[in-house]
Amino acid sequence: MADDATPDGTFFPYRFDRRYRFIWRPLGARPGVDGVRLTESSFVATYGRWRLETPITNVTRAHVTRGYKWWKAIGIRLSFVDDGLTFGTSTHGGVCVHFDRPAHRVIGRKDHSALTATVENLDGLVAAIVARVED
């Protein structure tokens, strides 16, 4: 699925792998509804009732990551290494988005310095973030 440009910004839906619906579905993640939205002023990622929002000026960089094991990638996860957060619906790959100042915590005890989101259009999200960061 391609990203969708609307008056509310550009929407990058998650890539939903139905094999893992037993995890993402009970958490409330919904195809066509949840994903990452970029606007002129904000970065917003939703996953069911969970939401991470930060000013677009707080986003410093983004890159594609791959090689996920399902038990480490699917669902809402905290990193064991740092304070990063994952909104995962697929093992295909994700975009790791880094923040200048940690975004307000969604789960756990600390704010998040990064978010990995398993969007359908990995390269498109990276390109859109890079274009906004370089402005």
C-alpha atoms as a PDB file:
ATOM      1  CA  MET A   1       0.000   0.000   0.000  1.00  0.00           C
ATOM      2  CA  ALA A   2       1.318   3.419  -0.913  1.00  0.00           C
ATOM      3  CA  ASP A   3       1.486   6.373   1.395  1.00  0.00           C
ATOM      4  CA  ASP A   4      -1.527   8.663   1.291  1.00  0.00           C
ATOM      5  CA  ALA A   5      -1.210  12.450   1.084  1.00  0.00           C
ATOM      6  CA  THR A   6      -4.196  14.214   2.637  1.00  0.00           C
ATOM      7  CA  PRO A   7      -4.884  17.711   3.958  1.00  0.00           C
ATOM      8  CA  ASP A   8      -3.977  16.247   7.369  1.00  0.00           C
ATOM      9  CA  GLY A   9      -0.493  15.248   6.190  1.00  0.00           C
ATOM     10  CA  THR A  10       1.063  12.176   4.642  1.00  0.00           C
ATOM     11  CA  PHE A  11      -0.047   8.820   6.042  1.00  0.00           C
ATOM     12  CA  PHE A  12       2.186   5.734   6.031  1.00  0.00           C
ATOM     13  CA  PRO A  13       0.080   2.714   7.057  1.00  0.00           C
ATOM     14  CA  TYR A  14       1.626  -0.262   8.781  1.00  0.00           C
ATOM     15  CA  ARG A  15       2.328  -3.468   6.903  1.00  0.00           C
ATOM     16  CA  PHE A  16       0.032  -5.932   8.654  1.00  0.00           C
ATOM     17  CA  ASP A  17       1.154  -9.558   8.501  1.00  0.00           C
ATOM     18  CA  ARG A  18      -1.963 -11.626   9.180  1.00  0.00           C
ATOM     19  CA  ARG A  19       0.114 -14.442  10.670  1.00  0.00           C
ATOM     20  CA  TYR A  20       0.653 -12.225  13.720  1.00  0.00           C
ATOM     21  CA  ARG A  21      -2.883 -10.889  14.073  1.00  0.00           C
ATOM     22  CA  PHE A  22      -3.171 -12.841  17.341  1.00  0.00           C
ATOM     23  CA  ILE A  23      -0.846 -10.163  18.776  1.00  0.00           C
ATOM     24  CA  TRP A  24      -1.671  -6.918  16.959  1.00  0.00           C
ATOM     25  CA  ARG A  25      -5.437  -7.394  16.779  1.00  0.00           C
ATOM     26  CA  PRO A  26      -6.027  -7.684  20.579  1.00  0.00           C
ATOM     27  CA  LEU A  27      -3.865  -4.570  21.023  1.00  0.00           C
ATOM     28  CA  GLY A  28      -6.307  -2.697  18.814  1.00  0.00           C
ATOM     29  CA  ALA A  29      -4.053  -2.043  15.801  1.00  0.00           C
ATOM     30  CA  ARG A  30      -6.192  -1.690  12.671  1.00  0.00           C
ATOM     31  CA  PRO A  31      -5.206  -1.927   8.999  1.00  0.00           C
ATOM     32  CA  GLY A  32      -5.861   1.309   7.146  1.00  0.00           C
ATOM     33  CA  VAL A  33      -6.229   3.241  10.398  1.00  0.00           C
ATOM     34  CA  ASP A  34      -2.942   2.885  12.268  1.00  0.00           C
ATOM     35  CA  GLY A  35       0.455   3.972  11.043  1.00  0.00           C
ATOM     36  CA  VAL A  36       2.612   7.086  10.892  1.00  0.00           C
ATOM     37  CA  ARG A  37       1.342  10.507   9.859  1.00  0.00           C
ATOM     38  CA  LEU A  38       3.652  13.395   9.005  1.00  0.00           C
ATOM     39  CA  THR A  39       2.306  16.929   8.905  1.00  0.00           C
ATOM     40  CA  GLU A  40       4.022  20.269   8.538  1.00  0.00           C
ATOM     41  CA  SER A  41       4.290  20.474  12.327  1.00  0.00           C
ATOM     42  CA  SER A  42       4.115  16.969  13.779  1.00  0.00           C
ATOM     43  CA  PHE A  43       5.137  13.308  13.685  1.00  0.00           C
ATOM     44  CA  VAL A  44       2.335  11.043  14.908  1.00  0.00           C
ATOM     45  CA  ALA A  45       2.388   7.240  15.174  1.00  0.00           C
ATOM     46  CA  THR A  46      -0.656   5.294  16.370  1.00  0.00           C
ATOM     47  CA  TYR A  47      -1.083   1.667  17.370  1.00  0.00           C
ATOM     48  CA  GLY A  48      -4.593   0.970  18.593  1.00  0.00           C
ATOM     49  CA  ARG A  49      -5.158   3.157  21.663  1.00  0.00           C
ATOM     50  CA  TRP A  50      -1.455   4.049  21.906  1.00  0.00           C
ATOM     51  CA  ARG A  51      -0.094   7.201  20.317  1.00  0.00           C
ATOM     52  CA  LEU A  52       3.343   8.784  20.079  1.00  0.00           C
ATOM     53  CA  GLU A  53       3.350  12.414  18.982  1.00  0.00           C
ATOM     54  CA  THR A  54       6.215  14.867  18.790  1.00  0.00           C
ATOM     55  CA  PRO A  55       6.919  18.047  16.836  1.00  0.00           C
ATOM     56  CA  ILE A  56       8.412  17.346  13.410  1.00  0.00           C
ATOM     57  CA  THR A  57      11.303  19.606  14.439  1.00  0.00           C
ATOM     58  CA  ASN A  58      12.172  17.019  17.115  1.00  0.00           C
ATOM     59  CA  VAL A  59      12.809  14.300  14.481  1.00  0.00           C
ATOM     60  CA  THR A  60      16.526  14.136  13.664  1.00  0.00           C
ATOM     61  CA  ARG A  61      16.927  11.130  11.369  1.00  0.00           C
ATOM     62  CA  ALA A  62      15.411   7.856  10.180  1.00  0.00           C
ATOM     63  CA  HIS A  63      16.703   4.635   8.670  1.00  0.00           C
ATOM     64  CA  VAL A  64      15.361   1.250   7.566  1.00  0.00           C
ATOM     65  CA  THR A  65      16.005  -1.754   9.792  1.00  0.00           C
ATOM     66  CA  ARG A  66      15.465  -5.414   8.925  1.00  0.00           C
ATOM     67  CA  GLY A  67      16.141  -8.930  10.148  1.00  0.00           C
ATOM     68  CA  TYR A  68      13.451  -9.070  12.822  1.00  0.00           C
ATOM     69  CA  LYS A  69      12.456 -12.113  14.831  1.00  0.00           C
ATOM     70  CA  TRP A  70       8.685 -12.083  15.316  1.00  0.00           C
ATOM     71  CA  TRP A  71       8.879 -12.309  19.103  1.00  0.00           C
ATOM     72  CA  LYS A  72      11.025  -9.152  19.165  1.00  0.00           C
ATOM     73  CA  ALA A  73       9.098  -7.147  16.557  1.00  0.00           C
ATOM     74  CA  ILE A  74       5.362  -7.727  16.784  1.00  0.00           C
ATOM     75  CA  GLY A  75       3.238  -5.685  19.145  1.00  0.00           C
ATOM     76  CA  ILE A  76       4.206  -2.752  21.305  1.00  0.00           C
ATOM     77  CA  ARG A  77       7.708  -3.275  22.637  1.00  0.00           C
ATOM     78  CA  LEU A  78      10.398  -1.509  24.594  1.00  0.00           C
ATOM     79  CA  SER A  79      14.016  -2.022  23.653  1.00  0.00           C
ATOM     80  CA  PHE A  80      16.117  -3.908  26.190  1.00  0.00           C
ATOM     81  CA  VAL A  81      19.131  -1.845  25.093  1.00  0.00           C
ATOM     82  CA  ASP A  82      17.778   1.705  25.370  1.00  0.00           C
ATOM     83  CA  ASP A  83      14.507   3.593  25.760  1.00  0.00           C
ATOM     84  CA  GLY A  84      13.352   2.939  22.190  1.00  0.00           C
ATOM     85  CA  LEU A  85       9.802   1.888  21.378  1.00  0.00           C
ATOM     86  CA  THR A  86       8.471  -0.424  18.644  1.00  0.00           C
ATOM     87  CA  PHE A  87       5.038  -0.365  17.043  1.00  0.00           C
ATOM     88  CA  GLY A  88       5.242  -3.664  15.149  1.00  0.00           C
ATOM     89  CA  THR A  89       2.823  -5.448  12.833  1.00  0.00           C
ATOM     90  CA  SER A  90       5.237  -7.339  10.562  1.00  0.00           C
ATOM     91  CA  THR A  91       8.749  -8.779  10.419  1.00  0.00           C
ATOM     92  CA  HIS A  92       9.316  -7.380   6.909  1.00  0.00           C
ATOM     93  CA  GLY A  93      11.230  -4.380   8.223  1.00  0.00           C
ATOM     94  CA  GLY A  94      10.735  -1.072   9.926  1.00  0.00           C
ATOM     95  CA  VAL A  95      11.815   2.520  10.063  1.00  0.00           C
ATOM     96  CA  CYS A  96      13.750   3.607  13.127  1.00  0.00           C
ATOM     97  CA  VAL A  97      12.976   7.276  13.776  1.00  0.00           C
ATOM     98  CA  HIS A  98      15.280   9.175  16.155  1.00  0.00           C
ATOM     99  CA  PHE A  99      14.319  12.185  18.239  1.00  0.00           C
ATOM    100  CA  ASP A 100      16.438  15.097  19.444  1.00  0.00           C
ATOM    101  CA  ARG A 101      14.623  15.214  22.780  1.00  0.00           C
ATOM    102  CA  PRO A 102      12.907  12.014  23.938  1.00  0.00           C
ATOM    103  CA  ALA A 103       9.224  11.852  23.008  1.00  0.00           C
ATOM    104  CA  HIS A 104       6.761  11.549  25.878  1.00  0.00           C
ATOM    105  CA  ARG A 105       6.577   7.954  27.086  1.00  0.00           C
ATOM    106  CA  VAL A 106       3.901   5.704  25.691  1.00  0.00           C
ATOM    107  CA  ILE A 107       4.738   2.645  27.818  1.00  0.00           C
ATOM    108  CA  GLY A 108       7.411   1.951  30.382  1.00  0.00           C
ATOM    109  CA  ARG A 109       8.991   4.436  32.762  1.00  0.00           C
ATOM    110  CA  LYS A 110      11.119   6.554  30.454  1.00  0.00           C
ATOM    111  CA  ASP A 111      10.476   8.828  27.510  1.00  0.00           C
ATOM    112  CA  HIS A 112      11.485   7.414  24.112  1.00  0.00           C
ATOM    113  CA  SER A 113      14.551   8.522  22.141  1.00  0.00           C
ATOM    114  CA  ALA A 114      13.441   6.524  19.071  1.00  0.00           C
ATOM    115  CA  LEU A 115      10.496   4.700  17.549  1.00  0.00           C
ATOM    116  CA  THR A 116      10.598   1.773  15.149  1.00  0.00           C
ATOM    117  CA  ALA A 117       7.445   1.524  13.027  1.00  0.00           C
ATOM    118  CA  THR A 118       6.746  -1.333  10.605  1.00  0.00           C
ATOM    119  CA  VAL A 119       5.136   0.739   7.861  1.00  0.00           C
ATOM    120  CA  GLU A 120       4.388  -0.628   4.405  1.00  0.00           C
ATOM    121  CA  ASN A 121       6.476   1.960   2.549  1.00  0.00           C
ATOM    122  CA  LEU A 122       9.803   1.891   4.402  1.00  0.00           C
ATOM    123  CA  ASP A 123      11.817   3.916   1.911  1.00  0.00           C
ATOM    124  CA  GLY A 124       8.983   6.401   1.417  1.00  0.00           C
ATOM    125  CA  LEU A 125       8.786   7.204   5.127  1.00  0.00           C
ATOM    126  CA  VAL A 126      12.561   7.633   5.365  1.00  0.00           C
ATOM    127  CA  ALA A 127      12.560   9.936   2.324  1.00  0.00           C
ATOM    128  CA  ALA A 128       9.678  12.017   3.717  1.00  0.00           C
ATOM    129  CA  ILE A 129      11.439  12.424   7.059  1.00  0.00           C
ATOM    130  CA  VAL A 130      14.767  13.295   5.447  1.00  0.00           C
ATOM    131  CA  ALA A 131      13.020  15.914   3.270  1.00  0.00           C
ATOM    132  CA  ARG A 132      11.464  17.530   6.354  1.00  0.00           C
ATOM    133  CA  VAL A 133      14.665  17.357   8.433  1.00  0.00           C
ATOM    134  CA  GLU A 134      16.728  18.965   5.659  1.00  0.00           C
ATOM    135  CA  ASP A 135      14.268  21.884   5.233  1.00  0.00           C
END
